[in-house]
N, C-alpha and C. Protein backbone atom coordinates (compact mmCIF):
# COMPACT_ATOMS: atom_id res chain seq x y z
N MET A 1 83.86 15.91 58.09
CA MET A 1 84.18 15.44 56.96
C MET A 1 83.72 15.62 55.66
N TYR A 2 82.66 16.01 55.57
CA TYR A 2 81.91 16.89 54.25
C TYR A 2 82.88 17.80 53.84
N GLY A 3 83.37 18.78 54.97
CA GLY A 3 84.22 19.78 54.36
C GLY A 3 85.41 19.43 53.70
N VAL A 4 86.23 18.57 54.28
CA VAL A 4 87.44 17.82 53.68
C VAL A 4 87.24 17.13 52.23
N THR A 5 86.03 16.35 52.38
CA THR A 5 85.70 15.81 50.97
C THR A 5 85.30 16.63 49.86
N LYS A 6 84.39 18.10 50.31
CA LYS A 6 84.28 19.26 49.50
C LYS A 6 85.42 19.68 48.77
N ARG A 7 86.63 19.98 49.65
CA ARG A 7 87.74 20.63 49.54
C ARG A 7 88.59 19.99 48.29
N CYS A 8 88.71 18.96 48.60
CA CYS A 8 89.43 17.64 47.37
C CYS A 8 88.39 17.54 46.30
N LEU A 9 87.23 17.65 46.51
CA LEU A 9 86.54 17.44 45.06
C LEU A 9 86.69 18.94 44.57
N ASP A 10 87.08 19.92 45.02
CA ASP A 10 87.27 21.28 44.27
C ASP A 10 88.60 21.47 43.73
N VAL A 11 89.53 20.85 44.42
CA VAL A 11 90.82 20.92 44.13
C VAL A 11 91.05 20.25 42.67
N VAL A 12 90.92 18.98 42.88
CA VAL A 12 90.90 17.51 41.78
C VAL A 12 89.85 18.34 40.73
N GLY A 13 88.64 18.85 41.07
CA GLY A 13 87.94 19.02 39.52
C GLY A 13 88.06 20.41 38.89
N ALA A 14 88.92 21.37 39.80
CA ALA A 14 89.24 22.61 39.34
C ALA A 14 90.42 22.32 38.27
N LEU A 15 91.53 21.31 39.06
CA LEU A 15 92.42 21.12 38.09
C LEU A 15 92.24 20.23 36.64
N VAL A 16 91.19 19.57 36.65
CA VAL A 16 91.18 18.79 35.78
C VAL A 16 90.17 19.58 34.72
N LEU A 17 89.33 20.42 35.24
CA LEU A 17 88.84 21.54 34.22
C LEU A 17 89.56 22.34 33.59
N LEU A 18 90.88 22.60 34.64
CA LEU A 18 91.72 23.93 33.80
C LEU A 18 92.38 23.13 32.68
N VAL A 19 93.16 22.06 33.05
CA VAL A 19 93.78 21.23 32.06
C VAL A 19 92.77 21.00 30.97
N ALA A 20 91.49 20.45 30.91
CA ALA A 20 90.91 20.17 29.85
C ALA A 20 90.51 21.35 29.18
N THR A 21 90.18 22.38 29.63
CA THR A 21 89.68 23.72 29.14
C THR A 21 90.77 24.52 28.67
N ALA A 22 91.98 24.28 28.67
CA ALA A 22 93.05 25.17 28.33
C ALA A 22 93.17 25.72 26.85
N PRO A 23 93.08 24.66 26.03
CA PRO A 23 92.87 25.12 24.61
C PRO A 23 92.03 26.06 24.49
N LEU A 24 90.44 25.70 25.08
CA LEU A 24 89.27 26.65 24.93
C LEU A 24 89.81 27.84 25.18
N LEU A 25 90.42 27.97 26.84
CA LEU A 25 90.79 29.30 27.13
C LEU A 25 91.62 30.06 26.28
N ALA A 26 92.45 29.49 25.77
CA ALA A 26 93.54 30.15 24.80
C ALA A 26 93.10 30.62 23.46
N VAL A 27 92.41 30.09 23.00
CA VAL A 27 91.34 30.31 21.81
C VAL A 27 90.45 31.37 22.02
N ALA A 28 89.68 31.53 23.01
CA ALA A 28 88.83 32.38 23.78
C ALA A 28 89.79 33.92 24.00
N ALA A 29 90.42 33.53 24.66
CA ALA A 29 91.86 34.53 25.19
C ALA A 29 92.25 35.22 23.61
N LEU A 30 92.48 34.73 23.02
CA LEU A 30 93.28 35.19 21.47
C LEU A 30 92.19 36.08 20.74
N LEU A 31 90.68 35.56 20.76
CA LEU A 31 89.74 36.04 20.06
C LEU A 31 89.37 37.26 20.45
N ILE A 32 89.32 37.48 21.93
CA ILE A 32 89.16 38.97 22.95
C ILE A 32 89.96 39.76 22.50
N ARG A 33 91.74 39.36 22.18
CA ARG A 33 92.42 40.50 22.35
C ARG A 33 92.51 40.71 20.59
N VAL A 34 92.10 40.14 19.69
CA VAL A 34 91.95 40.61 18.30
C VAL A 34 90.64 41.49 18.40
N THR A 35 89.54 40.97 18.74
CA THR A 35 88.52 41.63 18.40
C THR A 35 88.28 42.89 19.03
N MET A 36 88.49 42.96 20.58
CA MET A 36 88.00 43.68 21.33
C MET A 36 89.49 44.61 22.09
N GLY A 37 90.66 44.07 21.96
CA GLY A 37 92.01 44.41 22.56
C GLY A 37 91.99 44.01 23.68
N ARG A 38 92.92 44.80 24.89
CA ARG A 38 93.48 44.75 25.94
C ARG A 38 92.15 45.42 26.88
N PRO A 39 92.17 44.73 28.22
CA PRO A 39 92.52 43.61 28.66
C PRO A 39 91.93 42.11 28.33
N VAL A 40 92.26 41.08 28.23
CA VAL A 40 91.36 40.29 28.14
C VAL A 40 90.72 39.45 29.24
N LEU A 41 91.22 39.87 30.76
CA LEU A 41 90.34 39.73 31.61
C LEU A 41 89.47 40.70 32.34
N TYR A 42 88.46 40.44 32.89
CA TYR A 42 87.64 41.24 33.64
C TYR A 42 87.74 41.07 34.89
N ARG A 43 88.02 42.36 35.79
CA ARG A 43 88.10 41.70 37.44
C ARG A 43 87.19 42.76 37.81
N GLN A 44 86.72 42.47 39.00
CA GLN A 44 85.70 43.10 39.93
C GLN A 44 86.09 42.21 41.46
N ARG A 45 85.73 43.32 42.21
CA ARG A 45 86.04 43.10 43.54
C ARG A 45 84.37 42.38 43.69
N ARG A 46 84.55 41.02 44.61
CA ARG A 46 83.25 40.43 45.06
C ARG A 46 83.64 40.31 46.72
N ALA A 47 82.78 39.92 47.42
CA ALA A 47 82.63 39.08 48.66
C ALA A 47 82.33 37.62 48.77
N GLY A 48 83.11 37.19 49.30
CA GLY A 48 83.28 35.84 49.67
C GLY A 48 83.11 35.24 51.03
N LYS A 49 83.70 33.97 51.25
CA LYS A 49 83.22 33.73 52.64
C LYS A 49 83.46 34.52 53.70
N ASP A 50 82.34 34.49 54.51
CA ASP A 50 82.61 35.50 55.84
C ASP A 50 82.65 36.83 55.41
N GLY A 51 82.11 37.05 54.27
CA GLY A 51 82.01 38.86 53.37
C GLY A 51 83.42 39.07 53.39
N ARG A 52 84.75 38.28 53.46
CA ARG A 52 85.91 38.89 52.59
C ARG A 52 85.58 39.25 51.11
N ILE A 53 86.63 40.06 51.09
CA ILE A 53 86.84 40.62 49.79
C ILE A 53 87.93 40.17 48.85
N PHE A 54 87.54 39.86 47.58
CA PHE A 54 88.78 39.34 46.55
C PHE A 54 88.17 39.51 45.41
N VAL A 55 89.23 39.54 44.62
CA VAL A 55 89.02 40.51 43.13
C VAL A 55 88.73 39.13 42.04
N LEU A 56 87.60 39.02 41.38
CA LEU A 56 87.16 37.89 40.91
C LEU A 56 87.62 38.27 39.36
N GLN A 57 88.14 37.03 38.50
CA GLN A 57 88.35 37.32 37.33
C GLN A 57 87.53 36.56 36.42
N LYS A 58 87.19 37.09 35.06
CA LYS A 58 86.54 36.44 34.19
C LYS A 58 86.89 36.59 33.14
N LEU A 59 86.58 36.09 31.96
CA LEU A 59 86.90 36.70 30.26
C LEU A 59 86.31 37.80 30.19
N ARG A 60 86.72 38.82 29.25
CA ARG A 60 86.00 39.74 29.14
C ARG A 60 85.13 39.69 28.08
N THR A 61 83.87 40.11 28.35
CA THR A 61 82.91 39.88 27.19
C THR A 61 82.22 41.57 26.80
N MET A 62 82.62 42.45 27.12
CA MET A 62 82.32 43.78 26.48
C MET A 62 83.31 44.61 26.10
N ARG A 63 83.00 45.76 25.35
CA ARG A 63 83.97 46.66 25.28
C ARG A 63 84.34 47.58 26.28
N ALA A 64 85.70 47.99 25.87
CA ALA A 64 86.64 48.54 27.24
C ALA A 64 85.61 50.03 27.76
N GLY A 65 85.83 49.83 28.98
CA GLY A 65 84.75 51.18 29.82
C GLY A 65 83.63 50.90 30.14
N ASP A 66 83.19 49.55 30.21
CA ASP A 66 81.71 49.33 30.31
C ASP A 66 81.65 48.46 31.77
N GLY A 67 81.16 47.85 32.18
CA GLY A 67 80.61 47.28 33.62
C GLY A 67 81.16 45.63 33.45
N GLY A 68 81.78 45.27 32.09
CA GLY A 68 81.92 44.05 31.84
C GLY A 68 83.43 44.06 31.23
N GLY A 69 84.12 45.15 31.21
CA GLY A 69 85.27 45.07 30.51
C GLY A 69 86.52 44.96 31.28
N GLY A 70 87.72 45.61 31.41
CA GLY A 70 88.54 45.10 32.02
C GLY A 70 88.98 46.23 33.49
N ALA A 71 88.53 47.36 33.37
CA ALA A 71 88.48 48.09 34.54
C ALA A 71 87.91 47.36 35.66
N ARG A 72 88.45 47.46 36.81
CA ARG A 72 87.54 47.50 38.25
C ARG A 72 86.33 48.29 38.05
N ASP A 73 84.75 47.62 38.74
CA ASP A 73 83.95 48.55 38.62
C ASP A 73 84.42 49.54 40.04
N GLY A 74 83.74 50.59 39.49
CA GLY A 74 83.47 51.79 41.27
C GLY A 74 82.35 51.31 41.53
N ASP A 75 81.72 52.65 42.82
CA ASP A 75 80.45 52.26 43.11
C ASP A 75 79.28 52.33 42.15
N ALA A 76 78.04 51.93 43.05
CA ALA A 76 77.03 51.67 42.02
C ALA A 76 76.71 52.83 41.26
N ALA A 77 76.83 54.10 41.74
CA ALA A 77 76.63 55.17 40.93
C ALA A 77 77.38 55.79 39.98
N THR A 78 78.47 55.12 39.35
CA THR A 78 79.42 55.15 38.51
C THR A 78 79.33 54.01 37.32
N ARG A 79 78.50 53.13 37.71
CA ARG A 79 78.29 51.78 36.89
C ARG A 79 77.27 52.39 35.56
N PRO A 80 77.57 51.82 34.13
CA PRO A 80 76.70 51.99 33.09
C PRO A 80 75.24 51.68 33.35
N PRO A 81 74.23 52.06 32.79
CA PRO A 81 72.80 51.15 32.88
C PRO A 81 73.00 50.21 32.02
N ILE A 82 71.91 49.08 32.04
CA ILE A 82 71.85 48.16 31.38
C ILE A 82 71.97 48.03 30.17
N ALA A 83 71.29 49.37 29.30
CA ALA A 83 71.04 49.58 27.91
C ALA A 83 72.41 49.61 27.10
N ALA A 84 73.38 50.51 28.10
CA ALA A 84 75.09 50.55 27.84
C ALA A 84 75.40 48.93 27.64
N ASP A 85 74.83 48.25 28.94
CA ASP A 85 75.60 46.94 28.92
C ASP A 85 75.34 46.22 27.51
N ASP A 86 73.92 46.12 27.46
CA ASP A 86 73.43 45.43 26.26
C ASP A 86 73.87 46.27 25.10
N ALA A 87 74.45 47.13 24.63
CA ALA A 87 75.09 47.57 23.74
C ALA A 87 76.52 47.62 23.39
N ARG A 88 76.96 47.41 24.62
CA ARG A 88 78.66 46.99 24.56
C ARG A 88 78.99 45.30 24.77
N LEU A 89 78.15 44.66 25.02
CA LEU A 89 78.10 43.47 24.75
C LEU A 89 78.36 42.75 23.62
N THR A 90 79.50 42.14 23.33
CA THR A 90 79.57 41.89 21.59
C THR A 90 78.99 40.63 21.39
N VAL A 91 79.00 40.46 19.91
CA VAL A 91 78.93 39.15 19.77
C VAL A 91 79.76 38.06 20.22
N LEU A 92 81.05 38.08 20.14
CA LEU A 92 81.55 37.10 20.69
C LEU A 92 81.55 36.93 22.43
N GLY A 93 81.28 37.88 22.83
CA GLY A 93 80.70 37.99 24.36
C GLY A 93 79.36 37.31 24.89
N ARG A 94 78.67 37.68 23.97
CA ARG A 94 77.05 36.93 24.29
C ARG A 94 77.74 35.28 24.18
N ARG A 95 78.44 34.93 23.04
CA ARG A 95 78.66 33.34 22.73
C ARG A 95 79.44 33.00 23.93
N LEU A 96 80.55 33.58 24.46
CA LEU A 96 81.07 33.01 25.83
C LEU A 96 80.02 32.99 26.89
N ARG A 97 79.06 34.04 26.98
CA ARG A 97 78.38 34.05 27.86
C ARG A 97 77.52 32.87 27.91
N ALA A 98 76.77 32.40 26.78
CA ALA A 98 76.09 31.20 26.61
C ALA A 98 76.73 30.25 26.87
N LEU A 99 77.88 29.97 26.55
CA LEU A 99 78.25 28.36 27.16
C LEU A 99 78.94 28.72 28.10
N SER A 100 78.79 29.79 28.99
CA SER A 100 79.70 30.24 30.35
C SER A 100 81.14 29.92 30.47
N ILE A 101 81.73 30.26 29.09
CA ILE A 101 83.11 30.07 29.08
C ILE A 101 83.89 31.02 29.72
N ASP A 102 83.17 32.43 29.58
CA ASP A 102 83.86 33.46 30.41
C ASP A 102 84.03 33.30 32.14
N GLU A 103 83.19 32.22 32.44
CA GLU A 103 83.39 31.83 33.83
C GLU A 103 84.41 30.93 34.09
N LEU A 104 84.97 30.20 33.09
CA LEU A 104 86.44 29.41 33.29
C LEU A 104 87.58 29.73 34.14
N PRO A 105 87.87 31.06 33.92
CA PRO A 105 89.11 31.58 34.70
C PRO A 105 88.70 31.45 36.42
N GLN A 106 87.68 31.28 36.66
CA GLN A 106 87.31 31.34 38.08
C GLN A 106 87.78 29.90 38.78
N LEU A 107 88.18 29.29 37.97
CA LEU A 107 88.64 27.81 38.40
C LEU A 107 89.70 28.20 39.33
N TRP A 108 90.57 29.18 38.86
CA TRP A 108 91.86 29.39 39.26
C TRP A 108 91.65 29.59 40.95
N HIS A 109 90.14 30.53 41.21
CA HIS A 109 90.02 30.92 42.42
C HIS A 109 89.69 29.50 43.29
N VAL A 110 89.06 28.53 42.63
CA VAL A 110 88.59 27.28 43.33
C VAL A 110 89.88 26.90 43.90
N LEU A 111 91.15 26.80 42.77
CA LEU A 111 92.33 26.08 43.78
C LEU A 111 92.98 27.09 44.70
N CYS A 112 92.95 28.23 44.73
CA CYS A 112 93.31 29.28 45.70
C CYS A 112 92.42 28.84 46.73
N GLY A 113 91.19 28.64 46.93
CA GLY A 113 90.54 28.07 48.34
C GLY A 113 89.76 29.77 48.54
N GLU A 114 89.32 30.48 47.65
CA GLU A 114 88.76 31.79 47.54
C GLU A 114 87.22 31.31 47.22
N MET A 115 86.92 30.15 46.42
CA MET A 115 85.74 29.73 45.82
C MET A 115 85.58 28.35 45.80
N SER A 116 84.40 28.14 45.63
CA SER A 116 84.54 26.35 45.64
C SER A 116 83.70 25.96 44.15
N LEU A 117 83.70 24.71 43.96
CA LEU A 117 83.11 24.26 42.65
C LEU A 117 81.29 24.73 42.90
N VAL A 118 80.83 24.43 44.28
CA VAL A 118 79.55 24.64 44.10
C VAL A 118 79.36 25.75 45.53
N GLY A 119 78.41 26.73 45.37
CA GLY A 119 78.27 27.32 46.44
C GLY A 119 77.40 28.87 45.81
N PRO A 120 76.88 29.69 46.87
CA PRO A 120 76.25 30.64 45.99
C PRO A 120 77.09 31.65 45.82
N ARG A 121 76.86 32.30 44.46
CA ARG A 121 77.38 32.97 43.47
C ARG A 121 78.27 34.27 44.10
N PRO A 122 79.61 34.92 43.95
CA PRO A 122 79.91 35.54 44.67
C PRO A 122 79.65 37.11 44.17
N LEU A 123 78.84 37.86 45.20
CA LEU A 123 78.39 39.44 44.70
C LEU A 123 79.15 40.34 45.04
N LEU A 124 78.66 41.39 44.60
CA LEU A 124 79.36 42.74 45.07
C LEU A 124 79.16 43.17 46.15
N PRO A 125 80.45 44.03 46.91
CA PRO A 125 80.19 43.97 47.83
C PRO A 125 79.35 44.79 48.97
N GLU A 126 78.64 46.04 47.87
CA GLU A 126 77.69 46.84 48.14
C GLU A 126 76.54 46.21 48.77
N TYR A 127 76.49 44.80 48.38
CA TYR A 127 75.29 44.05 48.72
C TYR A 127 75.47 43.59 50.24
N LEU A 128 76.64 43.39 50.87
CA LEU A 128 76.79 42.93 52.19
C LEU A 128 75.64 43.83 53.10
N ALA A 129 75.66 44.92 53.05
CA ALA A 129 74.88 46.18 53.71
C ALA A 129 73.42 45.79 53.39
N ARG A 130 72.74 45.33 52.50
CA ARG A 130 71.42 45.23 51.96
C ARG A 130 71.08 43.78 52.61
N TYR A 131 71.58 42.92 52.80
CA TYR A 131 70.73 41.80 52.84
C TYR A 131 70.20 41.55 54.17
N SER A 132 69.05 40.88 54.22
CA SER A 132 68.38 40.52 55.84
C SER A 132 69.07 39.59 56.44
N PRO A 133 69.34 39.49 57.50
CA PRO A 133 70.02 38.46 58.58
C PRO A 133 70.19 37.16 57.93
N THR A 134 68.50 36.90 57.58
CA THR A 134 68.65 35.60 56.86
C THR A 134 69.49 35.34 55.53
N GLN A 135 69.04 36.34 54.53
CA GLN A 135 70.03 36.31 53.27
C GLN A 135 71.63 36.34 53.55
N ALA A 136 72.12 37.13 54.44
CA ALA A 136 73.38 37.39 54.73
C ALA A 136 74.12 35.66 55.06
N SER A 137 73.01 34.98 55.89
CA SER A 137 73.71 33.53 55.92
C SER A 137 74.26 32.74 54.69
N ARG A 138 74.04 33.50 53.29
CA ARG A 138 74.75 32.85 52.36
C ARG A 138 76.40 32.79 51.91
N HIS A 139 76.98 33.69 53.02
CA HIS A 139 78.26 33.74 53.36
C HIS A 139 78.79 32.92 54.02
N ALA A 140 78.38 31.95 54.81
CA ALA A 140 78.72 31.18 55.68
C ALA A 140 79.49 30.08 54.91
N VAL A 141 79.71 29.91 53.85
CA VAL A 141 80.11 29.28 53.06
C VAL A 141 80.93 30.05 51.80
N ARG A 142 82.31 29.31 50.99
CA ARG A 142 82.71 29.53 50.04
C ARG A 142 81.80 29.97 48.86
N PRO A 143 82.00 31.16 48.20
CA PRO A 143 81.17 31.18 47.02
C PRO A 143 81.15 30.27 45.99
N GLY A 144 80.48 29.93 45.14
CA GLY A 144 80.54 28.85 44.23
C GLY A 144 80.62 29.36 42.78
N LEU A 145 81.44 28.60 41.94
CA LEU A 145 81.28 28.74 40.35
C LEU A 145 79.92 28.58 39.61
N THR A 146 79.14 27.46 40.48
CA THR A 146 77.77 27.21 40.27
C THR A 146 76.97 26.83 41.45
N GLY A 147 75.69 26.97 41.87
CA GLY A 147 74.92 26.93 42.97
C GLY A 147 73.43 26.42 42.47
N LEU A 148 72.71 26.55 43.71
CA LEU A 148 71.36 25.99 43.69
C LEU A 148 70.55 27.04 42.86
N ALA A 149 70.83 28.15 43.08
CA ALA A 149 69.93 29.13 42.26
C ALA A 149 70.31 28.85 40.74
N GLN A 150 71.48 28.37 40.52
CA GLN A 150 72.04 28.57 39.19
C GLN A 150 71.55 27.29 38.32
N VAL A 151 71.02 26.27 39.15
CA VAL A 151 70.26 25.41 38.63
C VAL A 151 68.85 25.13 38.42
N ARG A 152 68.35 26.12 39.34
CA ARG A 152 67.14 26.26 39.44
C ARG A 152 66.46 27.34 38.97
N GLY A 153 66.91 28.28 37.95
CA GLY A 153 66.45 29.18 37.01
C GLY A 153 67.59 30.50 36.52
N ARG A 154 68.64 30.37 37.46
CA ARG A 154 69.95 31.30 36.88
C ARG A 154 69.44 32.91 36.93
N ASN A 155 69.74 33.27 36.11
CA ASN A 155 69.15 34.69 35.97
C ASN A 155 67.53 35.19 35.66
N ALA A 156 67.28 33.93 35.35
CA ALA A 156 65.61 34.34 35.36
C ALA A 156 65.13 34.20 36.49
N LEU A 157 65.52 34.12 37.83
CA LEU A 157 64.97 34.32 39.16
C LEU A 157 64.75 35.40 39.29
N SER A 158 64.18 36.04 40.31
CA SER A 158 64.14 37.24 40.87
C SER A 158 64.87 37.20 42.07
N TRP A 159 65.85 38.36 42.55
CA TRP A 159 66.84 38.36 43.54
C TRP A 159 66.29 37.42 44.93
N SER A 160 64.79 38.01 45.04
CA SER A 160 64.64 37.31 46.61
C SER A 160 64.36 35.79 46.58
N GLU A 161 63.91 34.98 45.18
CA GLU A 161 64.03 33.98 44.81
C GLU A 161 65.74 33.06 44.78
N LYS A 162 66.43 34.00 44.40
CA LYS A 162 67.70 33.38 44.28
C LYS A 162 68.44 33.22 45.69
N LEU A 163 67.67 34.49 46.38
CA LEU A 163 68.98 34.58 47.88
C LEU A 163 68.20 33.07 48.75
N ALA A 164 67.13 33.01 48.50
CA ALA A 164 66.45 31.90 49.19
C ALA A 164 66.96 30.67 48.87
N LEU A 165 67.08 30.52 47.41
CA LEU A 165 67.97 29.21 47.22
C LEU A 165 69.36 29.37 47.79
N ASP A 166 70.01 30.18 47.75
CA ASP A 166 71.30 30.50 48.31
C ASP A 166 71.31 29.95 49.82
N VAL A 167 70.39 30.60 50.70
CA VAL A 167 70.18 30.42 51.90
C VAL A 167 69.72 28.71 52.00
N ALA A 168 68.93 28.12 51.24
CA ALA A 168 68.68 26.68 51.15
C ALA A 168 70.00 25.72 51.33
N TYR A 169 70.39 26.37 50.31
CA TYR A 169 72.04 25.67 49.66
C TYR A 169 73.05 25.40 51.35
N VAL A 170 72.86 26.64 51.87
CA VAL A 170 73.70 26.58 52.88
C VAL A 170 73.37 25.88 54.51
N GLU A 171 71.95 25.79 54.43
CA GLU A 171 71.43 24.82 55.43
C GLU A 171 71.00 23.35 55.07
N ARG A 172 70.83 22.90 53.51
CA ARG A 172 71.26 21.71 53.15
C ARG A 172 72.30 20.82 52.46
N ARG A 173 73.51 21.70 52.60
CA ARG A 173 74.54 21.44 51.72
C ARG A 173 75.30 19.90 52.09
N SER A 174 75.55 19.16 50.98
CA SER A 174 75.98 17.78 51.53
C SER A 174 76.61 17.34 50.18
N LEU A 175 77.47 16.16 49.91
CA LEU A 175 78.05 16.07 49.03
C LEU A 175 77.25 15.32 47.96
N GLY A 176 76.20 14.92 48.45
CA GLY A 176 75.45 14.48 47.39
C GLY A 176 74.45 15.62 46.47
N LEU A 177 74.28 16.77 47.02
CA LEU A 177 73.65 18.01 46.72
C LEU A 177 74.93 18.43 45.68
N ASP A 178 75.84 18.58 46.30
CA ASP A 178 77.07 19.36 45.18
C ASP A 178 77.09 18.50 43.75
N LEU A 179 77.11 17.28 44.14
CA LEU A 179 76.99 16.42 42.76
C LEU A 179 76.08 16.35 41.76
N TRP A 180 74.91 16.68 42.48
CA TRP A 180 73.47 17.00 41.66
C TRP A 180 73.56 17.98 40.99
N ILE A 181 73.95 19.38 41.88
CA ILE A 181 74.12 20.39 41.15
C ILE A 181 75.13 20.70 40.15
N LEU A 182 76.21 20.14 40.24
CA LEU A 182 77.07 19.93 39.32
C LEU A 182 76.78 19.32 38.07
N TRP A 183 75.99 18.25 38.03
CA TRP A 183 75.34 17.30 36.67
C TRP A 183 74.29 18.23 36.35
N ARG A 184 73.38 19.12 37.04
CA ARG A 184 72.31 19.94 36.38
C ARG A 184 73.03 20.98 35.74
N THR A 185 74.22 21.50 36.44
CA THR A 185 74.77 22.63 35.71
C THR A 185 75.16 22.23 34.36
N LEU A 186 75.44 20.87 34.05
CA LEU A 186 76.21 20.61 32.61
C LEU A 186 75.40 20.93 31.95
N LEU A 187 73.80 20.41 32.09
CA LEU A 187 72.43 20.19 31.40
C LEU A 187 72.16 21.70 30.99
N ILE A 188 72.06 22.48 31.81
CA ILE A 188 71.65 24.03 31.83
C ILE A 188 72.97 24.60 31.01
N VAL A 189 74.01 24.49 31.06
CA VAL A 189 74.91 25.23 30.11
C VAL A 189 74.65 24.49 28.88
N LEU A 190 74.61 23.29 28.67
CA LEU A 190 74.27 22.99 26.94
C LEU A 190 72.96 23.48 26.53
N ARG A 191 72.10 23.42 27.60
CA ARG A 191 70.68 24.00 26.96
C ARG A 191 70.67 25.77 27.46
N ARG A 192 71.73 26.33 27.63
CA ARG A 192 71.92 28.06 27.39
C ARG A 192 70.59 28.27 28.33
N ASP A 193 70.01 28.01 29.26
CA ASP A 193 69.36 28.50 30.06
C ASP A 193 69.28 29.53 30.99
N GLY A 194 68.60 30.67 31.17
CA GLY A 194 68.39 31.80 32.21
C GLY A 194 70.03 32.58 32.10
N ILE A 195 70.27 32.81 30.94
CA ILE A 195 71.68 33.52 30.98
C ILE A 195 71.61 35.14 31.47
N ALA A 196 70.35 35.67 31.00
CA ALA A 196 69.99 37.05 31.45
C ALA A 196 68.62 37.10 32.30
N ALA A 197 68.43 38.00 33.02
CA ALA A 197 67.11 38.24 33.31
C ALA A 197 66.17 38.81 32.21
N PRO A 198 64.71 38.67 32.25
CA PRO A 198 64.11 38.93 31.33
C PRO A 198 64.25 40.43 31.11
N GLY A 199 64.30 40.92 29.94
CA GLY A 199 64.77 42.44 29.38
C GLY A 199 65.73 43.11 29.93
N THR A 200 66.46 42.17 30.14
CA THR A 200 68.10 42.98 30.53
C THR A 200 68.95 41.99 29.69
N ALA A 201 70.46 42.86 29.86
CA ALA A 201 71.67 41.92 29.29
C ALA A 201 72.11 41.03 30.09
N THR A 202 72.02 41.82 31.35
CA THR A 202 72.68 40.90 32.26
C THR A 202 71.44 40.55 33.72
N MET A 203 72.00 41.12 35.00
CA MET A 203 70.72 40.91 36.02
C MET A 203 70.97 42.28 36.79
N PRO A 204 69.47 42.63 37.00
CA PRO A 204 69.79 43.87 37.90
C PRO A 204 70.15 44.18 39.43
N GLU A 205 70.70 45.01 39.67
CA GLU A 205 71.58 45.62 41.05
C GLU A 205 70.47 44.78 42.00
N PHE A 206 71.04 44.48 42.95
CA PHE A 206 70.23 44.10 43.87
C PHE A 206 70.01 45.57 45.08
N LEU A 207 68.95 45.87 45.70
CA LEU A 207 68.98 47.13 46.29
C LEU A 207 68.48 46.83 47.83
N GLY A 208 67.86 45.39 47.83
CA GLY A 208 67.31 45.17 49.37
C GLY A 208 66.23 44.76 48.55
N ASP A 209 65.55 43.95 49.69
CA ASP A 209 64.07 43.59 49.56
C ASP A 209 63.11 44.77 49.55
N ASP A 210 63.26 45.99 50.32
CA ASP A 210 62.47 46.89 49.72
C ASP A 210 62.71 47.97 48.71
N ALA A 211 63.35 47.43 47.57
CA ALA A 211 63.66 48.26 46.22
C ALA A 211 64.08 47.41 45.27
N LYS A 212 63.41 48.08 44.17
CA LYS A 212 63.94 47.22 42.83
C LYS A 212 65.24 47.45 42.20
N GLY A 213 65.61 46.71 41.08
CA GLY A 213 67.47 47.10 40.87
C GLY A 213 67.37 48.00 39.82
N ASP A 214 68.34 48.61 39.58
CA ASP A 214 68.70 49.54 38.72
C ASP A 214 69.69 48.32 38.07
N ALA A 215 70.08 48.29 36.53
CA ALA A 215 70.95 47.28 35.90
C ALA A 215 72.31 47.46 36.43
N CYS A 216 72.93 46.32 36.19
CA CYS A 216 73.86 46.01 36.57
C CYS A 216 74.56 44.91 36.74
N ALA A 217 75.63 44.59 35.94
CA ALA A 217 76.20 43.01 35.70
C ALA A 217 76.33 42.35 36.89
N THR A 218 76.03 41.60 37.63
CA THR A 218 76.40 41.09 38.90
C THR A 218 76.62 39.72 39.03
N SER A 219 76.23 38.86 37.87
CA SER A 219 76.17 37.28 38.17
C SER A 219 77.41 36.66 37.77
């Protein structure tokens, strides 16, 4: 019953939000086109439910040729360091990220069934081999536009903390928890909390429990 109700909530919620934010998306897309040129959307491969790969879309927030631009990222060795990300993140891009407007195109993934409104955030396919068996259980559900980790600290958390919260969500998921997370997400977006990890423009790359991350946009 929970699965059916959650899917109904996803479809109705995504439709309402897409209609309500369409003017905002149009203005943001126009500003990106004028200030940064094409493409307006940033596309990157991410791992979804059961590790299935899909191409996630966000509004572009960095100049072309970067980890947050229009080209799909290659492997970890070809991505720019965080200093480059910080330098290429535009003033407009910072504002879009601060208000989470860059995430709005992902509502389409919710409608298509690739994502849910609530669930662990979709991460890079390279991470699949780096999770512990417990951490890998985060892929038992659809990835979310927001999740328990996002309302408990977002990118200010360490990877171990974020992944532990993802697993906790999978184990405790319920309609009540989903509604609480959605409400908390609204408050956090308005307060602009946890947009980036301390000392970085985005979030360090996850290299596994036994290694520290190098910089890479992942959230």
